[in-house]
């Protein structure tokens, strides 16, 4: 499910070709193609691009669209980052289901990881100060569709609270991986539930 700028929604069944066509369409219309904007305007396209091409920059390259330069408004003035602001930014990433492992930050927001390293000594220390288990973040970096479904099935069997807001807060890495591989958290849960129902059939 993708959200248009006017607030309406459109359901997509993505393929690599459709991702390329959508990227080119946005480029021709002069619409933003950086991940931060797409998280709000078309998260489904962003997730599909990462799923089919391994990363968003690779999806742009496949579409022969130049990777957007970071706008001045996204840069922070010297001295902007404090420990408190860094912790808030990290927690906001988690709330929005964005990955917290260092490789993703180096790709999406290298200035954040640089500032965190300056103030906390390392990205792992910044994560810990923000209330996250750095070892867990690293272990969950390489989620596959199968591991996402397996983990959600375990949660279903425990009757865990699977509301999007709860998962974003308590397991942001799983939430992000579900969006990456299935387009949305809701779709991933539906797939896991379908498998669970099938296995439990007599």
N, C-alpha and C. Protein backbone atom coordinates (compact mmCIF):
# COMPACT_ATOMS: atom_id res chain seq x y z
N UNK A 1 0.85 -1.20 0.00
CA UNK A 1 0.00 0.00 0.00
C UNK A 1 0.88 1.24 0.00
N UNK A 2 0.73 2.09 -0.99
CA UNK A 2 1.51 3.32 -1.08
C UNK A 2 0.62 4.51 -0.85
N UNK A 3 1.15 5.55 -0.26
CA UNK A 3 0.39 6.77 0.00
C UNK A 3 0.84 7.86 -0.94
N UNK A 4 -0.10 8.42 -1.69
CA UNK A 4 0.21 9.52 -2.57
C UNK A 4 0.30 10.81 -1.76
N UNK A 5 0.85 11.84 -2.39
CA UNK A 5 1.01 13.12 -1.72
C UNK A 5 -0.35 13.71 -1.33
N UNK A 6 -1.39 13.41 -2.13
CA UNK A 6 -2.71 13.97 -1.83
C UNK A 6 -3.44 13.21 -0.73
N UNK A 7 -2.78 12.17 -0.19
CA UNK A 7 -3.36 11.44 0.93
C UNK A 7 -4.09 10.18 0.52
N UNK A 8 -4.36 9.97 -0.76
CA UNK A 8 -5.02 8.76 -1.21
C UNK A 8 -4.03 7.62 -1.25
N UNK A 9 -4.53 6.40 -1.38
CA UNK A 9 -3.66 5.25 -1.37
C UNK A 9 -3.86 4.41 -2.62
N UNK A 10 -2.84 3.68 -2.98
CA UNK A 10 -2.93 2.78 -4.12
C UNK A 10 -2.17 1.51 -3.76
N UNK A 11 -2.75 0.34 -4.08
CA UNK A 11 -2.13 -0.93 -3.73
C UNK A 11 -1.24 -1.39 -4.88
N UNK A 12 -0.03 -1.81 -4.57
CA UNK A 12 0.92 -2.24 -5.58
C UNK A 12 1.24 -3.71 -5.41
N UNK A 13 1.34 -4.42 -6.53
CA UNK A 13 2.01 -5.71 -6.57
C UNK A 13 3.29 -5.46 -7.33
N UNK A 14 4.40 -5.38 -6.61
CA UNK A 14 5.63 -4.89 -7.20
C UNK A 14 6.38 -5.96 -7.97
N UNK A 15 7.16 -5.50 -8.93
CA UNK A 15 8.16 -6.28 -9.62
C UNK A 15 9.35 -5.35 -9.84
N UNK A 16 10.48 -5.91 -10.25
CA UNK A 16 11.64 -5.06 -10.48
C UNK A 16 11.34 -4.01 -11.55
N UNK A 17 10.62 -4.41 -12.59
CA UNK A 17 10.28 -3.48 -13.66
C UNK A 17 9.38 -2.36 -13.19
N UNK A 18 8.40 -2.69 -12.33
CA UNK A 18 7.49 -1.67 -11.83
C UNK A 18 8.21 -0.69 -10.90
N UNK A 19 9.18 -1.20 -10.14
CA UNK A 19 9.97 -0.31 -9.29
C UNK A 19 10.73 0.70 -10.14
N UNK A 20 11.38 0.22 -11.19
CA UNK A 20 12.13 1.11 -12.08
C UNK A 20 11.20 2.13 -12.72
N UNK A 21 10.02 1.69 -13.17
CA UNK A 21 9.07 2.60 -13.79
C UNK A 21 8.60 3.66 -12.81
N UNK A 22 8.36 3.27 -11.56
CA UNK A 22 7.89 4.22 -10.55
C UNK A 22 8.98 5.24 -10.21
N UNK A 23 10.22 4.78 -10.14
CA UNK A 23 11.33 5.70 -9.87
C UNK A 23 11.45 6.72 -10.99
N UNK A 24 11.41 6.24 -12.23
CA UNK A 24 11.52 7.15 -13.37
C UNK A 24 10.35 8.12 -13.43
N UNK A 25 9.17 7.64 -13.06
CA UNK A 25 7.99 8.51 -13.05
C UNK A 25 8.16 9.63 -12.03
N UNK A 26 8.64 9.31 -10.83
CA UNK A 26 8.88 10.33 -9.82
C UNK A 26 9.94 11.32 -10.28
N UNK A 27 10.99 10.78 -10.92
CA UNK A 27 12.07 11.65 -11.40
C UNK A 27 11.56 12.62 -12.46
N UNK A 28 10.74 12.13 -13.38
CA UNK A 28 10.20 12.97 -14.44
C UNK A 28 9.27 14.06 -13.89
N UNK A 29 8.59 13.74 -12.80
CA UNK A 29 7.68 14.70 -12.18
C UNK A 29 8.39 15.64 -11.21
N UNK A 30 9.68 15.42 -11.02
CA UNK A 30 10.44 16.27 -10.11
C UNK A 30 10.18 15.99 -8.65
N UNK A 31 9.67 14.79 -8.34
CA UNK A 31 9.39 14.42 -6.95
C UNK A 31 10.65 13.89 -6.28
N UNK A 32 10.72 14.05 -4.98
CA UNK A 32 11.90 13.64 -4.22
C UNK A 32 12.09 12.13 -4.29
N UNK A 33 13.36 11.72 -4.29
CA UNK A 33 13.69 10.30 -4.34
C UNK A 33 14.60 9.88 -3.19
N UNK A 34 14.81 10.76 -2.22
CA UNK A 34 15.64 10.38 -1.09
C UNK A 34 14.80 9.56 -0.09
N UNK A 35 15.41 8.60 0.60
CA UNK A 35 14.66 7.69 1.48
C UNK A 35 13.85 8.40 2.55
N UNK A 36 14.36 9.51 3.08
CA UNK A 36 13.65 10.19 4.15
C UNK A 36 12.27 10.67 3.70
N UNK A 37 12.18 11.18 2.47
CA UNK A 37 10.89 11.63 1.95
C UNK A 37 10.01 10.45 1.58
N UNK A 38 10.60 9.44 0.95
CA UNK A 38 9.82 8.28 0.53
C UNK A 38 9.23 7.52 1.71
N UNK A 39 9.88 7.56 2.86
CA UNK A 39 9.31 6.92 4.05
C UNK A 39 7.91 7.47 4.33
N UNK A 40 7.70 8.74 4.02
CA UNK A 40 6.40 9.37 4.26
C UNK A 40 5.48 9.30 3.04
N UNK A 41 6.04 9.49 1.84
CA UNK A 41 5.22 9.62 0.64
C UNK A 41 4.94 8.29 -0.05
N UNK A 42 5.87 7.36 -0.05
CA UNK A 42 5.68 6.09 -0.75
C UNK A 42 6.60 5.03 -0.16
N UNK A 43 6.30 4.62 1.07
CA UNK A 43 7.14 3.63 1.76
C UNK A 43 7.13 2.29 1.02
N UNK A 44 6.03 1.99 0.33
CA UNK A 44 5.94 0.73 -0.41
C UNK A 44 6.97 0.68 -1.54
N UNK A 45 7.12 1.79 -2.26
CA UNK A 45 8.12 1.86 -3.33
C UNK A 45 9.52 1.71 -2.75
N UNK A 46 9.79 2.39 -1.67
CA UNK A 46 11.11 2.32 -1.02
C UNK A 46 11.42 0.88 -0.60
N UNK A 47 10.44 0.23 0.03
CA UNK A 47 10.65 -1.15 0.48
C UNK A 47 10.86 -2.09 -0.71
N UNK A 48 10.08 -1.90 -1.78
CA UNK A 48 10.21 -2.76 -2.95
C UNK A 48 11.57 -2.54 -3.63
N UNK A 49 12.01 -1.29 -3.70
CA UNK A 49 13.31 -1.00 -4.29
C UNK A 49 14.43 -1.70 -3.55
N UNK A 50 14.36 -1.66 -2.23
CA UNK A 50 15.40 -2.32 -1.43
C UNK A 50 15.29 -3.84 -1.56
N UNK A 51 14.06 -4.34 -1.69
CA UNK A 51 13.86 -5.78 -1.77
C UNK A 51 14.40 -6.35 -3.09
N UNK A 52 14.11 -5.68 -4.19
CA UNK A 52 14.49 -6.20 -5.50
C UNK A 52 15.93 -5.87 -5.89
N UNK A 53 16.49 -4.78 -5.32
CA UNK A 53 17.82 -4.35 -5.76
C UNK A 53 18.85 -4.31 -4.63
N UNK A 54 18.47 -4.83 -3.44
CA UNK A 54 19.36 -4.94 -2.28
C UNK A 54 19.53 -3.62 -1.52
N UNK A 55 19.42 -2.50 -2.19
CA UNK A 55 19.50 -1.21 -1.52
C UNK A 55 18.82 -0.17 -2.39
N UNK A 56 18.44 0.97 -1.80
CA UNK A 56 17.78 2.02 -2.57
C UNK A 56 18.72 2.66 -3.59
N UNK A 57 19.98 2.95 -3.25
CA UNK A 57 20.89 3.49 -4.26
C UNK A 57 21.03 2.56 -5.47
N UNK A 58 21.04 1.24 -5.25
CA UNK A 58 21.13 0.31 -6.37
C UNK A 58 19.86 0.34 -7.21
N UNK A 59 18.71 0.57 -6.57
CA UNK A 59 17.46 0.69 -7.33
C UNK A 59 17.50 1.92 -8.22
N UNK A 60 18.01 3.03 -7.68
CA UNK A 60 18.15 4.25 -8.49
C UNK A 60 19.11 4.03 -9.66
N UNK A 61 20.19 3.31 -9.40
CA UNK A 61 21.16 3.04 -10.45
C UNK A 61 20.54 2.19 -11.56
N UNK A 62 19.73 1.19 -11.16
CA UNK A 62 19.08 0.34 -12.15
C UNK A 62 18.10 1.13 -13.02
N UNK A 63 17.51 2.17 -12.43
CA UNK A 63 16.57 3.02 -13.17
C UNK A 63 17.29 4.12 -13.95
N UNK A 64 18.61 4.16 -13.83
CA UNK A 64 19.43 5.19 -14.48
C UNK A 64 19.01 6.60 -14.02
N UNK A 65 18.74 6.68 -12.73
CA UNK A 65 18.39 7.96 -12.11
C UNK A 65 19.49 8.31 -11.13
N UNK A 66 19.98 9.51 -11.21
CA UNK A 66 21.10 9.92 -10.35
C UNK A 66 20.65 9.95 -8.89
N UNK A 67 21.52 9.45 -8.05
CA UNK A 67 21.24 9.47 -6.61
C UNK A 67 21.11 10.90 -6.13
N UNK A 68 20.01 11.25 -5.46
CA UNK A 68 19.81 12.66 -5.06
C UNK A 68 20.85 13.13 -4.06
N UNK A 69 21.33 14.34 -4.29
CA UNK A 69 22.26 14.95 -3.33
C UNK A 69 21.49 15.35 -2.09
N UNK A 70 22.15 15.29 -0.98
CA UNK A 70 21.51 15.67 0.27
C UNK A 70 21.27 17.17 0.26
N UNK A 71 20.02 17.57 0.50
CA UNK A 71 19.69 18.99 0.45
C UNK A 71 20.25 19.71 1.67
N UNK A 72 20.44 21.02 1.51
CA UNK A 72 21.01 21.81 2.61
C UNK A 72 20.13 21.73 3.85
N UNK A 73 18.80 21.63 3.63
CA UNK A 73 17.89 21.60 4.77
C UNK A 73 18.08 20.35 5.62
N UNK A 74 18.68 19.27 5.01
CA UNK A 74 18.89 18.05 5.76
C UNK A 74 20.21 18.08 6.52
N UNK A 75 21.10 19.00 6.19
CA UNK A 75 22.36 19.10 6.90
C UNK A 75 22.15 19.81 8.23
N UNK A 76 23.02 19.53 9.16
CA UNK A 76 22.92 20.15 10.48
C UNK A 76 24.08 21.12 10.65
N UNK A 77 23.83 22.28 11.22
CA UNK A 77 24.92 23.24 11.44
C UNK A 77 25.91 22.69 12.45
N UNK A 78 27.14 23.16 12.36
CA UNK A 78 28.18 22.74 13.31
C UNK A 78 27.72 22.99 14.74
N UNK A 79 27.90 22.03 15.57
CA UNK A 79 27.51 22.15 16.98
C UNK A 79 26.07 21.79 17.24
N UNK A 80 25.32 21.38 16.20
CA UNK A 80 23.89 21.07 16.38
C UNK A 80 23.70 19.85 17.27
N UNK A 81 24.49 18.79 17.00
CA UNK A 81 24.26 17.54 17.70
C UNK A 81 24.75 17.60 19.15
N UNK A 82 23.89 17.20 20.04
CA UNK A 82 24.25 16.99 21.44
C UNK A 82 23.90 15.54 21.76
N UNK A 83 24.31 15.07 22.91
CA UNK A 83 23.97 13.69 23.27
C UNK A 83 22.46 13.49 23.33
N UNK A 84 21.76 14.47 23.88
CA UNK A 84 20.31 14.37 23.97
C UNK A 84 19.64 14.32 22.61
N UNK A 85 20.09 15.16 21.69
CA UNK A 85 19.51 15.17 20.36
C UNK A 85 19.81 13.88 19.61
N UNK A 86 21.00 13.34 19.80
CA UNK A 86 21.35 12.08 19.16
C UNK A 86 20.48 10.95 19.66
N UNK A 87 20.27 10.88 20.96
CA UNK A 87 19.42 9.84 21.53
C UNK A 87 18.00 9.95 20.99
N UNK A 88 17.49 11.17 20.92
CA UNK A 88 16.14 11.39 20.37
C UNK A 88 16.06 10.94 18.92
N UNK A 89 17.08 11.26 18.12
CA UNK A 89 17.09 10.89 16.70
C UNK A 89 17.13 9.37 16.53
N UNK A 90 17.94 8.70 17.33
CA UNK A 90 18.03 7.25 17.26
C UNK A 90 16.69 6.62 17.63
N UNK A 91 16.07 7.13 18.68
CA UNK A 91 14.78 6.59 19.10
C UNK A 91 13.69 6.86 18.07
N UNK A 92 13.76 7.98 17.39
CA UNK A 92 12.81 8.28 16.32
C UNK A 92 12.97 7.31 15.15
N UNK A 93 14.21 6.99 14.81
CA UNK A 93 14.44 6.00 13.75
C UNK A 93 13.78 4.68 14.11
N UNK A 94 13.94 4.27 15.35
CA UNK A 94 13.33 3.01 15.79
C UNK A 94 11.80 3.09 15.71
N UNK A 95 11.23 4.20 16.15
CA UNK A 95 9.78 4.37 16.12
C UNK A 95 9.22 4.30 14.70
N UNK A 96 10.02 4.74 13.72
CA UNK A 96 9.60 4.72 12.32
C UNK A 96 9.98 3.42 11.62
N UNK A 97 10.51 2.46 12.39
CA UNK A 97 10.85 1.17 11.80
C UNK A 97 12.08 1.19 10.93
N UNK A 98 12.94 2.19 11.10
CA UNK A 98 14.16 2.27 10.29
C UNK A 98 15.28 1.47 10.95
N UNK A 99 16.16 0.88 10.15
CA UNK A 99 17.23 0.04 10.72
C UNK A 99 18.20 0.86 11.57
N UNK A 100 18.78 0.18 12.56
CA UNK A 100 19.70 0.85 13.47
C UNK A 100 21.13 0.32 13.37
N UNK A 101 21.37 -0.66 12.50
CA UNK A 101 22.73 -1.16 12.41
C UNK A 101 23.61 -0.16 11.65
N UNK A 102 24.90 -0.22 11.93
CA UNK A 102 25.82 0.80 11.44
C UNK A 102 25.87 0.88 9.92
N UNK A 103 25.76 -0.26 9.24
CA UNK A 103 25.84 -0.25 7.78
C UNK A 103 24.71 0.58 7.17
N UNK A 104 23.52 0.48 7.75
CA UNK A 104 22.39 1.25 7.24
C UNK A 104 22.59 2.74 7.48
N UNK A 105 23.14 3.09 8.64
CA UNK A 105 23.37 4.50 8.94
C UNK A 105 24.44 5.08 8.03
N UNK A 106 25.47 4.32 7.74
CA UNK A 106 26.51 4.79 6.83
C UNK A 106 25.96 5.04 5.44
N UNK A 107 24.93 4.27 5.07
CA UNK A 107 24.30 4.43 3.76
C UNK A 107 23.32 5.59 3.76
N UNK A 108 22.48 5.69 4.82
CA UNK A 108 21.36 6.62 4.82
C UNK A 108 21.65 7.96 5.50
N UNK A 109 22.49 7.95 6.53
CA UNK A 109 22.68 9.16 7.32
C UNK A 109 24.04 9.11 8.00
N UNK A 110 25.08 9.22 7.20
CA UNK A 110 26.44 9.06 7.74
C UNK A 110 26.79 10.13 8.77
N UNK A 111 26.18 11.33 8.64
CA UNK A 111 26.48 12.39 9.60
C UNK A 111 26.00 12.03 11.00
N UNK A 112 24.90 11.28 11.08
CA UNK A 112 24.39 10.87 12.38
C UNK A 112 25.35 9.91 13.07
N UNK A 113 25.84 8.93 12.32
CA UNK A 113 26.75 7.97 12.93
C UNK A 113 28.08 8.62 13.28
N UNK A 114 28.50 9.61 12.48
CA UNK A 114 29.75 10.33 12.79
C UNK A 114 29.59 11.13 14.08
N UNK A 115 28.46 11.81 14.22
CA UNK A 115 28.21 12.61 15.43
C UNK A 115 28.08 11.71 16.66
N UNK A 116 27.42 10.57 16.48
CA UNK A 116 27.25 9.64 17.60
C UNK A 116 28.60 9.09 18.05
N UNK A 117 29.46 8.78 17.09
CA UNK A 117 30.79 8.28 17.43
C UNK A 117 31.60 9.33 18.17
N UNK A 118 31.45 10.60 17.76
CA UNK A 118 32.17 11.70 18.41
C UNK A 118 31.72 11.84 19.87
N UNK A 119 30.38 11.82 20.09
CA UNK A 119 29.86 12.09 21.44
C UNK A 119 29.90 10.86 22.36
N UNK A 120 29.76 9.65 21.80
CA UNK A 120 29.65 8.46 22.64
C UNK A 120 30.85 7.51 22.50
N UNK A 121 31.72 7.78 21.54
CA UNK A 121 32.89 6.93 21.36
C UNK A 121 32.70 5.85 20.32
N UNK A 122 31.47 5.39 20.15
CA UNK A 122 31.16 4.37 19.14
C UNK A 122 29.67 4.36 18.89
N UNK A 123 29.26 3.78 17.77
CA UNK A 123 27.83 3.67 17.47
C UNK A 123 27.15 2.71 18.45
N UNK A 124 27.85 1.67 18.86
CA UNK A 124 27.29 0.72 19.83
C UNK A 124 26.97 1.42 21.14
N UNK A 125 27.87 2.29 21.59
CA UNK A 125 27.63 3.02 22.84
C UNK A 125 26.45 3.97 22.71
N UNK A 126 26.30 4.58 21.53
CA UNK A 126 25.16 5.47 21.29
C UNK A 126 23.85 4.69 21.34
N UNK A 127 23.84 3.48 20.77
CA UNK A 127 22.65 2.64 20.82
C UNK A 127 22.29 2.28 22.25
N UNK A 128 23.30 1.89 23.02
CA UNK A 128 23.07 1.52 24.41
C UNK A 128 22.54 2.70 25.22
N UNK A 129 23.08 3.89 24.97
CA UNK A 129 22.61 5.09 25.67
C UNK A 129 21.17 5.41 25.30
N UNK A 130 20.74 4.96 24.10
CA UNK A 130 19.39 5.22 23.63
C UNK A 130 18.41 4.12 24.03
N UNK A 131 18.92 3.11 24.75
CA UNK A 131 18.04 2.06 25.25
C UNK A 131 17.95 0.82 24.38
N UNK A 132 18.93 0.63 23.48
CA UNK A 132 18.90 -0.52 22.58
C UNK A 132 20.09 -1.44 22.85
N UNK A 133 19.87 -2.73 22.60
CA UNK A 133 20.93 -3.73 22.76
C UNK A 133 21.72 -3.77 21.46
N UNK A 134 22.94 -3.27 21.48
CA UNK A 134 23.76 -3.19 20.27
C UNK A 134 24.03 -4.57 19.68
N UNK A 135 24.25 -5.58 20.52
CA UNK A 135 24.50 -6.93 20.03
C UNK A 135 23.29 -7.47 19.29
N UNK A 136 22.10 -7.20 19.83
CA UNK A 136 20.87 -7.66 19.19
C UNK A 136 20.67 -6.98 17.84
N UNK A 137 20.98 -5.69 17.78
CA UNK A 137 20.86 -4.96 16.51
C UNK A 137 21.77 -5.57 15.45
N UNK A 138 23.01 -5.91 15.85
CA UNK A 138 23.95 -6.52 14.90
C UNK A 138 23.48 -7.90 14.46
N UNK A 139 22.97 -8.71 15.39
CA UNK A 139 22.54 -10.07 15.06
C UNK A 139 21.37 -10.06 14.09
N UNK A 140 20.48 -9.08 14.24
CA UNK A 140 19.27 -9.04 13.43
C UNK A 140 19.45 -8.32 12.11
N UNK A 141 20.69 -7.94 11.79
CA UNK A 141 20.92 -7.16 10.58
C UNK A 141 20.57 -7.94 9.32
N UNK A 142 20.85 -9.25 9.31
CA UNK A 142 20.74 -10.04 8.08
C UNK A 142 19.44 -10.84 8.03
N UNK A 143 18.34 -10.20 8.34
CA UNK A 143 17.04 -10.86 8.24
C UNK A 143 16.75 -11.24 6.79
N UNK A 144 16.16 -12.42 6.62
CA UNK A 144 15.66 -12.87 5.33
C UNK A 144 14.14 -12.98 5.45
N UNK A 145 13.42 -13.15 4.34
CA UNK A 145 11.96 -13.35 4.45
C UNK A 145 11.62 -14.52 5.38
N UNK A 146 12.43 -15.57 5.31
CA UNK A 146 12.16 -16.75 6.13
C UNK A 146 12.34 -16.47 7.62
N UNK A 147 13.41 -15.73 7.98
CA UNK A 147 13.62 -15.45 9.41
C UNK A 147 12.58 -14.47 9.93
N UNK A 148 12.13 -13.55 9.08
CA UNK A 148 11.07 -12.62 9.48
C UNK A 148 9.80 -13.40 9.82
N UNK A 149 9.39 -14.31 8.91
CA UNK A 149 8.17 -15.09 9.12
C UNK A 149 8.31 -15.98 10.35
N UNK A 150 9.50 -16.59 10.51
CA UNK A 150 9.72 -17.47 11.66
C UNK A 150 9.58 -16.70 12.97
N UNK A 151 10.16 -15.51 13.03
CA UNK A 151 10.09 -14.72 14.27
C UNK A 151 8.67 -14.25 14.55
N UNK A 152 7.94 -13.86 13.50
CA UNK A 152 6.56 -13.42 13.71
C UNK A 152 5.69 -14.59 14.15
N UNK A 153 5.93 -15.77 13.59
CA UNK A 153 5.18 -16.96 14.00
C UNK A 153 5.37 -17.25 15.48
N UNK A 154 6.60 -17.10 15.95
CA UNK A 154 6.86 -17.31 17.37
C UNK A 154 6.08 -16.31 18.22
N UNK A 155 6.02 -15.06 17.75
CA UNK A 155 5.26 -14.04 18.47
C UNK A 155 3.77 -14.37 18.46
N UNK A 156 3.27 -14.85 17.32
CA UNK A 156 1.85 -15.22 17.23
C UNK A 156 1.53 -16.36 18.19
N UNK A 157 2.42 -17.32 18.27
CA UNK A 157 2.20 -18.48 19.14
C UNK A 157 2.21 -18.07 20.61
N UNK A 158 2.90 -16.98 20.92
CA UNK A 158 2.93 -16.48 22.31
C UNK A 158 1.82 -15.46 22.57
N UNK A 159 0.97 -15.24 21.54
CA UNK A 159 -0.10 -14.24 21.64
C UNK A 159 0.45 -12.85 22.00
N UNK A 160 1.61 -12.53 21.42
CA UNK A 160 2.23 -11.23 21.68
C UNK A 160 1.43 -10.12 21.02
N UNK A 161 1.60 -8.92 21.51
CA UNK A 161 0.96 -7.74 20.93
C UNK A 161 1.70 -7.38 19.64
N UNK A 162 1.02 -7.53 18.51
CA UNK A 162 1.67 -7.32 17.21
C UNK A 162 1.23 -6.03 16.54
N UNK A 163 0.71 -5.10 17.32
CA UNK A 163 0.38 -3.81 16.73
C UNK A 163 1.65 -3.13 16.23
N UNK A 164 1.52 -2.45 15.10
CA UNK A 164 2.67 -1.81 14.47
C UNK A 164 3.43 -0.91 15.43
N UNK A 165 2.70 -0.12 16.19
CA UNK A 165 3.33 0.83 17.11
C UNK A 165 4.13 0.11 18.20
N UNK A 166 3.63 -1.05 18.64
CA UNK A 166 4.31 -1.80 19.69
C UNK A 166 5.58 -2.44 19.14
N UNK A 167 5.50 -3.03 17.95
CA UNK A 167 6.67 -3.67 17.36
C UNK A 167 7.74 -2.64 17.04
N UNK A 168 7.33 -1.47 16.53
CA UNK A 168 8.33 -0.43 16.24
C UNK A 168 9.09 -0.04 17.48
N UNK A 169 8.40 -0.05 18.61
CA UNK A 169 9.04 0.39 19.86
C UNK A 169 9.93 -0.70 20.45
N UNK A 170 9.49 -1.96 20.36
CA UNK A 170 10.20 -3.03 21.05
C UNK A 170 11.09 -3.88 20.15
N UNK A 171 10.83 -3.88 18.85
CA UNK A 171 11.66 -4.68 17.94
C UNK A 171 11.70 -4.00 16.59
N UNK A 172 12.37 -2.84 16.56
CA UNK A 172 12.39 -2.02 15.35
C UNK A 172 13.08 -2.74 14.19
N UNK A 173 14.08 -3.58 14.50
CA UNK A 173 14.80 -4.29 13.44
C UNK A 173 13.89 -5.27 12.72
N UNK A 174 13.09 -6.02 13.46
CA UNK A 174 12.13 -6.94 12.85
C UNK A 174 11.10 -6.18 12.03
N UNK A 175 10.62 -5.07 12.56
CA UNK A 175 9.63 -4.25 11.86
C UNK A 175 10.21 -3.76 10.54
N UNK A 176 11.44 -3.25 10.57
CA UNK A 176 12.06 -2.75 9.34
C UNK A 176 12.26 -3.88 8.34
N UNK A 177 12.72 -5.05 8.82
CA UNK A 177 12.95 -6.18 7.92
C UNK A 177 11.64 -6.65 7.29
N UNK A 178 10.56 -6.63 8.06
CA UNK A 178 9.26 -7.02 7.51
C UNK A 178 8.83 -6.07 6.40
N UNK A 179 9.04 -4.79 6.62
CA UNK A 179 8.69 -3.80 5.59
C UNK A 179 9.58 -3.96 4.36
N UNK A 180 10.84 -4.29 4.59
CA UNK A 180 11.79 -4.47 3.48
C UNK A 180 11.39 -5.66 2.61
N UNK A 181 11.05 -6.78 3.24
CA UNK A 181 10.81 -8.00 2.49
C UNK A 181 9.36 -8.21 2.09
N UNK A 182 8.41 -7.58 2.81
CA UNK A 182 6.99 -7.82 2.53
C UNK A 182 6.20 -6.55 2.21
N UNK A 183 6.86 -5.42 2.21
CA UNK A 183 6.17 -4.18 1.86
C UNK A 183 5.54 -3.47 3.03
N UNK A 184 5.10 -4.23 4.03
CA UNK A 184 4.50 -3.62 5.23
C UNK A 184 4.51 -4.65 6.36
N UNK A 185 4.43 -4.17 7.58
CA UNK A 185 4.37 -5.05 8.74
C UNK A 185 3.10 -5.88 8.71
N UNK A 186 1.98 -5.27 8.35
CA UNK A 186 0.69 -5.97 8.32
C UNK A 186 0.73 -7.15 7.35
N UNK A 187 1.33 -6.94 6.18
CA UNK A 187 1.40 -8.02 5.20
C UNK A 187 2.26 -9.17 5.70
N UNK A 188 3.37 -8.84 6.36
CA UNK A 188 4.24 -9.88 6.91
C UNK A 188 3.52 -10.70 7.96
N UNK A 189 2.76 -10.04 8.83
CA UNK A 189 2.00 -10.76 9.87
C UNK A 189 0.95 -11.66 9.21
N UNK A 190 0.29 -11.17 8.16
CA UNK A 190 -0.72 -11.97 7.47
C UNK A 190 -0.10 -13.22 6.86
N UNK A 191 1.09 -13.08 6.29
CA UNK A 191 1.79 -14.23 5.71
C UNK A 191 2.17 -15.25 6.78
N UNK A 192 2.65 -14.75 7.91
CA UNK A 192 3.02 -15.64 9.02
C UNK A 192 1.80 -16.36 9.57
N UNK A 193 0.69 -15.64 9.69
CA UNK A 193 -0.54 -16.25 10.20
C UNK A 193 -1.05 -17.31 9.24
N UNK A 194 -0.94 -17.05 7.95
CA UNK A 194 -1.38 -18.02 6.93
C UNK A 194 -0.57 -19.31 7.04
N UNK A 195 0.74 -19.17 7.22
CA UNK A 195 1.59 -20.36 7.37
C UNK A 195 1.25 -21.12 8.64
N UNK A 196 1.01 -20.38 9.71
CA UNK A 196 0.67 -21.01 11.00
C UNK A 196 -0.64 -21.75 10.89
N UNK A 197 -1.63 -21.17 10.23
CA UNK A 197 -2.93 -21.83 10.05
C UNK A 197 -2.80 -23.10 9.22
N UNK A 198 -1.94 -23.04 8.19
CA UNK A 198 -1.75 -24.20 7.32
C UNK A 198 -1.11 -25.34 8.09
N UNK A 199 -0.09 -25.03 8.88
CA UNK A 199 0.62 -26.07 9.64
C UNK A 199 -0.29 -26.71 10.67
N UNK A 200 -1.20 -25.91 11.25
CA UNK A 200 -2.06 -26.42 12.32
C UNK A 200 -3.27 -27.19 11.80
N UNK A 201 -3.45 -27.21 10.46
CA UNK A 201 -4.58 -27.96 9.92
C UNK A 201 -4.39 -29.44 10.14
N UNK A 202 -5.49 -30.17 10.44
CA UNK A 202 -5.37 -31.63 10.69
C UNK A 202 -5.04 -32.38 9.40
